[in-house]
C-alpha atoms as a PDB file:
ATOM      1  CA  UNK A   1       0.137   0.121  -0.121  1.00  0.00           C
ATOM      2  CA  UNK A   2       1.030   3.541  -0.987  1.00  0.00           C
ATOM      3  CA  UNK A   3       1.018   6.222   1.215  1.00  0.00           C
ATOM      4  CA  UNK A   4      -1.513   9.300   1.029  1.00  0.00           C
ATOM      5  CA  UNK A   5       0.804  11.842   0.176  1.00  0.00           C
ATOM      6  CA  UNK A   6       1.370   9.801  -3.036  1.00  0.00           C
ATOM      7  CA  UNK A   7      -1.878   9.920  -4.276  1.00  0.00           C
ATOM      8  CA  UNK A   8      -2.237  13.022  -7.096  1.00  0.00           C
ATOM      9  CA  UNK A   9      -5.217  12.269  -9.121  1.00  0.00           C
ATOM     10  CA  UNK A  10      -8.516  14.393  -8.976  1.00  0.00           C
ATOM     11  CA  UNK A  11     -11.821  12.722  -8.603  1.00  0.00           C
ATOM     12  CA  UNK A  12     -15.719  13.657  -9.135  1.00  0.00           C
ATOM     13  CA  UNK A  13     -16.866  11.111  -6.611  1.00  0.00           C
ATOM     14  CA  UNK A  14     -16.347   9.367  -3.384  1.00  0.00           C
ATOM     15  CA  UNK A  15     -17.771   5.827  -2.288  1.00  0.00           C
ATOM     16  CA  UNK A  16     -17.094   5.890   1.293  1.00  0.00           C
ATOM     17  CA  UNK A  17     -17.576   2.784   4.058  1.00  0.00           C
ATOM     18  CA  UNK A  18     -19.250   4.213   7.203  1.00  0.00           C
ATOM     19  CA  UNK A  19     -18.395   1.908  10.467  1.00  0.00           C
ATOM     20  CA  UNK A  20     -15.212   2.499  11.591  1.00  0.00           C
ATOM     21  CA  UNK A  21     -13.874   4.489   8.427  1.00  0.00           C
ATOM     22  CA  UNK A  22     -16.355   7.261   9.360  1.00  0.00           C
ATOM     23  CA  UNK A  23     -17.066   6.838  12.426  1.00  0.00           C
ATOM     24  CA  UNK A  24     -14.965   6.409  16.085  1.00  0.00           C
ATOM     25  CA  UNK A  25     -16.155   3.927  18.598  1.00  0.00           C
ATOM     26  CA  UNK A  26     -19.286   4.056  16.861  1.00  0.00           C
ATOM     27  CA  UNK A  27     -20.165   7.439  16.446  1.00  0.00           C
ATOM     28  CA  UNK A  28     -19.840   9.730  13.515  1.00  0.00           C
ATOM     29  CA  UNK A  29     -17.762  12.567  15.183  1.00  0.00           C
ATOM     30  CA  UNK A  30     -18.159  16.896  14.106  1.00  0.00           C
ATOM     31  CA  UNK A  31     -14.818  16.532  11.713  1.00  0.00           C
ATOM     32  CA  UNK A  32     -15.879  13.726   9.780  1.00  0.00           C
ATOM     33  CA  UNK A  33     -19.427  14.909   9.004  1.00  0.00           C
ATOM     34  CA  UNK A  34     -18.088  18.697   8.299  1.00  0.00           C
ATOM     35  CA  UNK A  35     -16.039  16.676   5.390  1.00  0.00           C
ATOM     36  CA  UNK A  36     -18.891  15.446   3.791  1.00  0.00           C
ATOM     37  CA  UNK A  37     -20.275  18.980   3.459  1.00  0.00           C
ATOM     38  CA  UNK A  38     -16.902  20.584   2.266  1.00  0.00           C
ATOM     39  CA  UNK A  39     -16.370  17.545   0.338  1.00  0.00           C
ATOM     40  CA  UNK A  40     -19.905  18.365  -1.716  1.00  0.00           C
ATOM     41  CA  UNK A  41     -18.896  22.395  -1.455  1.00  0.00           C
ATOM     42  CA  UNK A  42     -16.053  21.629  -3.588  1.00  0.00           C
ATOM     43  CA  UNK A  43     -17.304  19.486  -6.111  1.00  0.00           C
ATOM     44  CA  UNK A  44     -16.796  16.339  -4.454  1.00  0.00           C
ATOM     45  CA  UNK A  45     -19.877  14.317  -4.717  1.00  0.00           C
ATOM     46  CA  UNK A  46     -19.932  11.445  -1.279  1.00  0.00           C
ATOM     47  CA  UNK A  47     -22.034   7.943  -1.703  1.00  0.00           C
ATOM     48  CA  UNK A  48     -21.730   6.061   1.052  1.00  0.00           C
ATOM     49  CA  UNK A  49     -21.566   2.245   0.831  1.00  0.00           C
ATOM     50  CA  UNK A  50     -22.304   0.529   3.860  1.00  0.00           C
ATOM     51  CA  UNK A  51     -23.094  -3.182   5.584  1.00  0.00           C
ATOM     52  CA  UNK A  52     -26.100  -0.982   7.556  1.00  0.00           C
ATOM     53  CA  UNK A  53     -29.780  -1.654   6.719  1.00  0.00           C
ATOM     54  CA  UNK A  54     -32.496  -0.100   4.665  1.00  0.00           C
ATOM     55  CA  UNK A  55     -34.070   1.899   7.757  1.00  0.00           C
ATOM     56  CA  UNK A  56     -30.555   3.845   8.478  1.00  0.00           C
ATOM     57  CA  UNK A  57     -30.018   4.272   4.812  1.00  0.00           C
ATOM     58  CA  UNK A  58     -33.467   6.183   4.015  1.00  0.00           C
ATOM     59  CA  UNK A  59     -32.757   8.555   6.616  1.00  0.00           C
ATOM     60  CA  UNK A  60     -28.790   8.642   5.192  1.00  0.00           C
ATOM     61  CA  UNK A  61     -30.273   9.387   1.707  1.00  0.00           C
ATOM     62  CA  UNK A  62     -32.719  12.267   3.166  1.00  0.00           C
ATOM     63  CA  UNK A  63     -30.556  14.081   5.338  1.00  0.00           C
ATOM     64  CA  UNK A  64     -26.844  13.749   4.825  1.00  0.00           C
ATOM     65  CA  UNK A  65     -25.216  16.094   2.294  1.00  0.00           C
ATOM     66  CA  UNK A  66     -24.772  12.902  -0.614  1.00  0.00           C
ATOM     67  CA  UNK A  67     -25.444  11.758  -3.794  1.00  0.00           C
ATOM     68  CA  UNK A  68     -27.041   8.505  -2.484  1.00  0.00           C
ATOM     69  CA  UNK A  69     -26.470   5.727  -0.703  1.00  0.00           C
ATOM     70  CA  UNK A  70     -25.913   1.829  -0.831  1.00  0.00           C
ATOM     71  CA  UNK A  71     -26.843  -0.902   1.760  1.00  0.00           C
ATOM     72  CA  UNK A  72     -26.904  -4.024   2.886  1.00  0.00           C
ATOM     73  CA  UNK A  73     -23.140  -4.746   1.254  1.00  0.00           C
ATOM     74  CA  UNK A  74     -24.718  -4.034  -1.910  1.00  0.00           C
ATOM     75  CA  UNK A  75     -28.471  -5.366  -1.825  1.00  0.00           C
ATOM     76  CA  UNK A  76     -29.888  -2.205  -2.746  1.00  0.00           C
ATOM     77  CA  UNK A  77     -29.368   2.063  -3.433  1.00  0.00           C
ATOM     78  CA  UNK A  78     -31.644   4.537  -2.109  1.00  0.00           C
ATOM     79  CA  UNK A  79     -31.176   8.538  -3.636  1.00  0.00           C
ATOM     80  CA  UNK A  80     -33.023  11.371  -2.356  1.00  0.00           C
ATOM     81  CA  UNK A  81     -33.506  14.109  -5.385  1.00  0.00           C
ATOM     82  CA  UNK A  82     -36.123  16.630  -6.024  1.00  0.00           C
ATOM     83  CA  UNK A  83     -38.782  15.635  -3.290  1.00  0.00           C
ATOM     84  CA  UNK A  84     -38.486  11.900  -4.269  1.00  0.00           C
ATOM     85  CA  UNK A  85     -36.908   8.733  -2.784  1.00  0.00           C
ATOM     86  CA  UNK A  86     -35.542   6.249  -5.609  1.00  0.00           C
ATOM     87  CA  UNK A  87     -34.971   3.035  -4.171  1.00  0.00           C
ATOM     88  CA  UNK A  88     -33.333   0.263  -6.310  1.00  0.00           C
ATOM     89  CA  UNK A  89     -33.174  -3.303  -4.976  1.00  0.00           C
ATOM     90  CA  UNK A  90     -31.193  -6.025  -6.241  1.00  0.00           C
ATOM     91  CA  UNK A  91     -34.540  -8.438  -5.705  1.00  0.00           C
ATOM     92  CA  UNK A  92     -37.844  -8.281  -5.736  1.00  0.00           C
ATOM     93  CA  UNK A  93     -40.041  -8.160  -2.905  1.00  0.00           C
ATOM     94  CA  UNK A  94     -40.883 -12.105  -3.189  1.00  0.00           C
ATOM     95  CA  UNK A  95     -37.255 -12.646  -3.622  1.00  0.00           C
ATOM     96  CA  UNK A  96     -36.347 -10.471  -0.414  1.00  0.00           C
ATOM     97  CA  UNK A  97     -39.329 -12.482   2.089  1.00  0.00           C
ATOM     98  CA  UNK A  98     -38.155 -15.968   0.723  1.00  0.00           C
ATOM     99  CA  UNK A  99     -34.668 -15.571   1.417  1.00  0.00           C
ATOM    100  CA  UNK A 100     -35.538 -14.141   5.244  1.00  0.00           C
ATOM    101  CA  UNK A 101     -36.977 -17.265   5.981  1.00  0.00           C
ATOM    102  CA  UNK A 102     -33.691 -18.977   5.064  1.00  0.00           C
ATOM    103  CA  UNK A 103     -31.894 -16.034   6.886  1.00  0.00           C
ATOM    104  CA  UNK A 104     -33.866 -17.300   9.984  1.00  0.00           C
ATOM    105  CA  UNK A 105     -33.054 -20.820  10.009  1.00  0.00           C
ATOM    106  CA  UNK A 106     -29.407 -19.726   9.616  1.00  0.00           C
ATOM    107  CA  UNK A 107     -30.337 -17.609  12.549  1.00  0.00           C
ATOM    108  CA  UNK A 108     -30.799 -20.460  14.728  1.00  0.00           C
ATOM    109  CA  UNK A 109     -27.819 -22.193  13.602  1.00  0.00           C
ATOM    110  CA  UNK A 110     -25.556 -19.221  14.413  1.00  0.00           C
ATOM    111  CA  UNK A 111     -26.730 -18.593  18.030  1.00  0.00           C
ATOM    112  CA  UNK A 112     -27.002 -22.503  18.667  1.00  0.00           C
ATOM    113  CA  UNK A 113     -23.294 -23.177  17.800  1.00  0.00           C
ATOM    114  CA  UNK A 114     -22.087 -19.568  19.115  1.00  0.00           C
ATOM    115  CA  UNK A 115     -24.137 -18.619  22.037  1.00  0.00           C
ATOM    116  CA  UNK A 116     -21.819 -15.224  22.749  1.00  0.00           C
ATOM    117  CA  UNK A 117     -22.536 -14.003  18.840  1.00  0.00           C
ATOM    118  CA  UNK A 118     -25.462 -11.530  18.909  1.00  0.00           C
ATOM    119  CA  UNK A 119     -28.274 -10.364  16.325  1.00  0.00           C
ATOM    120  CA  UNK A 120     -27.314  -6.852  15.116  1.00  0.00           C
ATOM    121  CA  UNK A 121     -29.680  -4.563  16.915  1.00  0.00           C
ATOM    122  CA  UNK A 122     -30.109  -2.961  13.664  1.00  0.00           C
ATOM    123  CA  UNK A 123     -31.807  -6.207  12.239  1.00  0.00           C
ATOM    124  CA  UNK A 124     -35.007  -5.221  12.227  1.00  0.00           C
ATOM    125  CA  UNK A 125     -34.796  -2.753   9.583  1.00  0.00           C
ATOM    126  CA  UNK A 126     -33.279  -4.756   7.466  1.00  0.00           C
ATOM    127  CA  UNK A 127     -34.710  -6.297   3.816  1.00  0.00           C
ATOM    128  CA  UNK A 128     -31.916  -8.154   2.320  1.00  0.00           C
ATOM    129  CA  UNK A 129     -29.411  -9.919   4.817  1.00  0.00           C
ATOM    130  CA  UNK A 130     -29.044 -11.167   8.252  1.00  0.00           C
ATOM    131  CA  UNK A 131     -26.091  -9.390  10.604  1.00  0.00           C
ATOM    132  CA  UNK A 132     -24.631 -11.275  13.365  1.00  0.00           C
ATOM    133  CA  UNK A 133     -22.615  -8.908  15.982  1.00  0.00           C
ATOM    134  CA  UNK A 134     -19.529 -10.263  17.140  1.00  0.00           C
ATOM    135  CA  UNK A 135     -18.241  -7.091  19.006  1.00  0.00           C
ATOM    136  CA  UNK A 136     -20.825  -3.789  18.633  1.00  0.00           C
ATOM    137  CA  UNK A 137     -23.360  -4.881  21.341  1.00  0.00           C
ATOM    138  CA  UNK A 138     -21.552  -7.996  22.258  1.00  0.00           C
ATOM    139  CA  UNK A 139     -18.209  -8.489  24.242  1.00  0.00           C
ATOM    140  CA  UNK A 140     -15.731  -9.305  20.983  1.00  0.00           C
ATOM    141  CA  UNK A 141     -15.881 -12.573  19.510  1.00  0.00           C
ATOM    142  CA  UNK A 142     -12.174 -14.450  18.963  1.00  0.00           C
ATOM    143  CA  UNK A 143     -11.508 -14.688  15.227  1.00  0.00           C
ATOM    144  CA  UNK A 144     -11.868 -18.068  15.263  1.00  0.00           C
ATOM    145  CA  UNK A 145     -15.704 -17.536  15.950  1.00  0.00           C
ATOM    146  CA  UNK A 146     -16.279 -14.551  13.558  1.00  0.00           C
ATOM    147  CA  UNK A 147     -14.689 -16.642  10.688  1.00  0.00           C
ATOM    148  CA  UNK A 148     -17.139 -19.593  11.791  1.00  0.00           C
ATOM    149  CA  UNK A 149     -19.915 -17.849  11.954  1.00  0.00           C
ATOM    150  CA  UNK A 150     -19.045 -16.955   7.638  1.00  0.00           C
ATOM    151  CA  UNK A 151     -18.822 -20.567   7.078  1.00  0.00           C
ATOM    152  CA  UNK A 152     -22.332 -21.379   8.365  1.00  0.00           C
ATOM    153  CA  UNK A 153     -23.501 -18.809   6.345  1.00  0.00           C
ATOM    154  CA  UNK A 154     -21.849 -20.279   3.453  1.00  0.00           C
ATOM    155  CA  UNK A 155     -22.281 -23.898   4.483  1.00  0.00           C
ATOM    156  CA  UNK A 156     -26.013 -23.087   3.956  1.00  0.00           C
ATOM    157  CA  UNK A 157     -25.394 -21.252   0.521  1.00  0.00           C
ATOM    158  CA  UNK A 158     -25.960 -18.159   1.263  1.00  0.00           C
ATOM    159  CA  UNK A 159     -23.025 -14.854   0.609  1.00  0.00           C
ATOM    160  CA  UNK A 160     -21.063 -13.421   3.612  1.00  0.00           C
ATOM    161  CA  UNK A 161     -18.758 -10.602   4.354  1.00  0.00           C
ATOM    162  CA  UNK A 162     -16.739  -9.683   7.971  1.00  0.00           C
ATOM    163  CA  UNK A 163     -17.302  -5.896   8.552  1.00  0.00           C
ATOM    164  CA  UNK A 164     -15.435  -4.150  11.181  1.00  0.00           C
ATOM    165  CA  UNK A 165     -18.677  -5.330  13.642  1.00  0.00           C
ATOM    166  CA  UNK A 166     -20.488  -7.903  11.729  1.00  0.00           C
ATOM    167  CA  UNK A 167     -21.166 -10.552   9.867  1.00  0.00           C
ATOM    168  CA  UNK A 168     -23.603  -9.596   7.306  1.00  0.00           C
ATOM    169  CA  UNK A 169     -25.158 -13.085   5.274  1.00  0.00           C
ATOM    170  CA  UNK A 170     -27.643 -12.227   1.984  1.00  0.00           C
ATOM    171  CA  UNK A 171     -28.789 -14.776  -0.512  1.00  0.00           C
ATOM    172  CA  UNK A 172     -27.721 -13.437  -4.434  1.00  0.00           C
ATOM    173  CA  UNK A 173     -25.170 -12.533  -5.888  1.00  0.00           C
ATOM    174  CA  UNK A 174     -24.754  -8.605  -5.584  1.00  0.00           C
ATOM    175  CA  UNK A 175     -22.264  -7.264  -3.337  1.00  0.00           C
ATOM    176  CA  UNK A 176     -20.935  -3.475  -2.635  1.00  0.00           C
ATOM    177  CA  UNK A 177     -19.071  -3.424  -5.874  1.00  0.00           C
ATOM    178  CA  UNK A 178     -21.992  -4.910  -8.314  1.00  0.00           C
ATOM    179  CA  UNK A 179     -24.261  -2.365  -6.661  1.00  0.00           C
ATOM    180  CA  UNK A 180     -22.279   0.687  -7.167  1.00  0.00           C
ATOM    181  CA  UNK A 181     -22.268  -0.356 -11.226  1.00  0.00           C
ATOM    182  CA  UNK A 182     -26.216  -0.061 -10.945  1.00  0.00           C
ATOM    183  CA  UNK A 183     -25.637   3.402  -9.380  1.00  0.00           C
ATOM    184  CA  UNK A 184     -23.422   4.390 -11.296  1.00  0.00           C
ATOM    185  CA  UNK A 185     -25.107   3.109 -14.837  1.00  0.00           C
ATOM    186  CA  UNK A 186     -29.032   4.184 -13.572  1.00  0.00           C
ATOM    187  CA  UNK A 187     -28.081   7.489 -12.210  1.00  0.00           C
ATOM    188  CA  UNK A 188     -25.021   8.850 -13.497  1.00  0.00           C
ATOM    189  CA  UNK A 189     -25.895   7.083 -17.580  1.00  0.00           C
ATOM    190  CA  UNK A 190     -22.136   6.149 -17.122  1.00  0.00           C
ATOM    191  CA  UNK A 191     -20.260   3.053 -17.397  1.00  0.00           C
ATOM    192  CA  UNK A 192     -17.866   2.446 -14.056  1.00  0.00           C
ATOM    193  CA  UNK A 193     -15.405   1.056 -16.126  1.00  0.00           C
ATOM    194  CA  UNK A 194     -15.164   3.825 -18.241  1.00  0.00           C
ATOM    195  CA  UNK A 195     -14.960   6.442 -15.534  1.00  0.00           C
ATOM    196  CA  UNK A 196     -13.211   4.874 -12.817  1.00  0.00           C
ATOM    197  CA  UNK A 197     -10.700   7.156 -12.860  1.00  0.00           C
ATOM    198  CA  UNK A 198     -13.459   9.878 -11.632  1.00  0.00           C
ATOM    199  CA  UNK A 199     -13.871   7.633  -8.709  1.00  0.00           C
ATOM    200  CA  UNK A 200     -12.379   7.247  -5.417  1.00  0.00           C
ATOM    201  CA  UNK A 201     -13.541   4.333  -2.183  1.00  0.00           C
ATOM    202  CA  UNK A 202     -12.141   4.157   1.093  1.00  0.00           C
ATOM    203  CA  UNK A 203     -12.791   1.180   3.675  1.00  0.00           C
ATOM    204  CA  UNK A 204     -11.589  -0.117   6.498  1.00  0.00           C
ATOM    205  CA  UNK A 205     -12.108  -4.055   6.455  1.00  0.00           C
ATOM    206  CA  UNK A 206     -12.798  -7.586   4.450  1.00  0.00           C
ATOM    207  CA  UNK A 207     -16.372  -6.246   3.176  1.00  0.00           C
ATOM    208  CA  UNK A 208     -14.244  -3.615   1.279  1.00  0.00           C
ATOM    209  CA  UNK A 209     -12.124  -6.301  -0.469  1.00  0.00           C
ATOM    210  CA  UNK A 210     -14.220  -6.210  -4.017  1.00  0.00           C
ATOM    211  CA  UNK A 211     -13.831  -2.261  -4.026  1.00  0.00           C
ATOM    212  CA  UNK A 212     -10.518  -2.585  -2.919  1.00  0.00           C
ATOM    213  CA  UNK A 213      -9.731  -4.577  -5.822  1.00  0.00           C
ATOM    214  CA  UNK A 214     -10.969  -3.292  -8.480  1.00  0.00           C
ATOM    215  CA  UNK A 215     -10.975   0.589  -8.447  1.00  0.00           C
ATOM    216  CA  UNK A 216      -7.369   2.240  -9.024  1.00  0.00           C
ATOM    217  CA  UNK A 217      -8.360   5.024  -6.401  1.00  0.00           C
ATOM    218  CA  UNK A 218      -9.201   2.680  -3.502  1.00  0.00           C
ATOM    219  CA  UNK A 219      -8.066   3.533   0.605  1.00  0.00           C
ATOM    220  CA  UNK A 220      -8.079   2.643   3.676  1.00  0.00           C
ATOM    221  CA  UNK A 221      -7.513   4.186   7.169  1.00  0.00           C
ATOM    222  CA  UNK A 222      -4.999   3.304   9.352  1.00  0.00           C
ATOM    223  CA  UNK A 223      -7.424   0.164  11.124  1.00  0.00           C
ATOM    224  CA  UNK A 224      -6.970  -1.652   7.931  1.00  0.00           C
ATOM    225  CA  UNK A 225      -4.612  -2.865   9.655  1.00  0.00           C
ATOM    226  CA  UNK A 226      -6.024  -5.616  11.822  1.00  0.00           C
ATOM    227  CA  UNK A 227      -7.060  -7.185   8.863  1.00  0.00           C
ATOM    228  CA  UNK A 228      -4.783  -7.121   6.312  1.00  0.00           C
ATOM    229  CA  UNK A 229      -3.658 -10.354   6.709  1.00  0.00           C
ATOM    230  CA  UNK A 230      -7.257 -11.655   5.676  1.00  0.00           C
ATOM    231  CA  UNK A 231      -7.241  -9.652   2.655  1.00  0.00           C
ATOM    232  CA  UNK A 232      -6.325 -11.091  -0.725  1.00  0.00           C
ATOM    233  CA  UNK A 233      -6.578  -7.811  -2.316  1.00  0.00           C
ATOM    234  CA  UNK A 234      -5.544  -4.501  -0.677  1.00  0.00           C
ATOM    235  CA  UNK A 235      -6.292  -0.885  -0.776  1.00  0.00           C
ATOM    236  CA  UNK A 236      -3.683   1.199  -3.179  1.00  0.00           C
ATOM    237  CA  UNK A 237      -3.237   3.698  -0.348  1.00  0.00           C
ATOM    238  CA  UNK A 238      -3.330   3.582   3.147  1.00  0.00           C
ATOM    239  CA  UNK A 239      -4.155   6.666   5.357  1.00  0.00           C
ATOM    240  CA  UNK A 240      -2.302   7.644   8.404  1.00  0.00           C
ATOM    241  CA  UNK A 241      -5.298   7.561  10.717  1.00  0.00           C
ATOM    242  CA  UNK A 242      -7.903   5.888  11.610  1.00  0.00           C
ATOM    243  CA  UNK A 243     -11.310   5.923  11.562  1.00  0.00           C
ATOM    244  CA  UNK A 244     -13.054   9.615  10.761  1.00  0.00           C
ATOM    245  CA  UNK A 245      -9.903  11.292  11.465  1.00  0.00           C
ATOM    246  CA  UNK A 246      -8.334   9.183   8.605  1.00  0.00           C
ATOM    247  CA  UNK A 247     -11.765   9.415   6.750  1.00  0.00           C
ATOM    248  CA  UNK A 248     -11.142  13.901   7.289  1.00  0.00           C
ATOM    249  CA  UNK A 249      -7.273  13.060   6.189  1.00  0.00           C
ATOM    250  CA  UNK A 250      -8.287  11.429   2.821  1.00  0.00           C
ATOM    251  CA  UNK A 251     -10.925  14.179   2.353  1.00  0.00           C
ATOM    252  CA  UNK A 252      -8.942  17.016   3.222  1.00  0.00           C
ATOM    253  CA  UNK A 253      -6.427  15.611   0.104  1.00  0.00           C
ATOM    254  CA  UNK A 254      -9.173  15.759  -2.573  1.00  0.00           C
ATOM    255  CA  UNK A 255     -10.510  18.945  -1.843  1.00  0.00           C
ATOM    256  CA  UNK A 256      -6.691  20.006  -2.204  1.00  0.00           C
ATOM    257  CA  UNK A 257      -6.446  18.105  -5.594  1.00  0.00           C
ATOM    258  CA  UNK A 258      -9.763  19.284  -6.766  1.00  0.00           C
ATOM    259  CA  UNK A 259      -7.987  23.003  -6.042  1.00  0.00           C
ATOM    260  CA  UNK A 260      -4.974  22.456  -8.052  1.00  0.00           C
END
């Protein structure tokens, strides 16, 4: 991974993870939130790409200074424009409901096998995936238990990704990158392969790996260090600070390059 000071390209769009990329200890601080406004005012659109649920994404799309939001690890995107909430899902409603029934069986298996795991507190407002909490509101589980949770999803035919706080599992072929492709195609009327030099991505954990691999301008905040051994594809650049401070550090760099 190169250092942030080695980056010298101007971009028009920043895709960003939220938890432990924009946040510190579970909270969005004033510096990181101000960075969203600063980027917007300097011509850099921001689209969060998160594992967080539909309920959260409704609020983010409506109230944050962002151009849209991809949620539940690529299950959908929401965009609020001209007093209209645009919602695009990777699956129709019938498929989503059928998959939720299958996820209920996986939930029971996970809790039976790893009783110290928890169901994410935001599960009630999810529509695509199941989020297993391994350190947000429960005592941190061992890496072995975390990987076992991922295996349980996969043994049942589901996809699963490990974030900094949850193991998210779902049925379907989507991931963060596939929904970013849909967002760019449908909302920007462009092909992501053709304009990726105009886009940057920043994240912090294994569920960001498809984005790290694809984007030439991929970044990670410093807390990526704890996951390096779990990644096959590393981000191209490492930011010196963790979490929200690192996000703001990147924001300042992107604004500087936009002005030069």
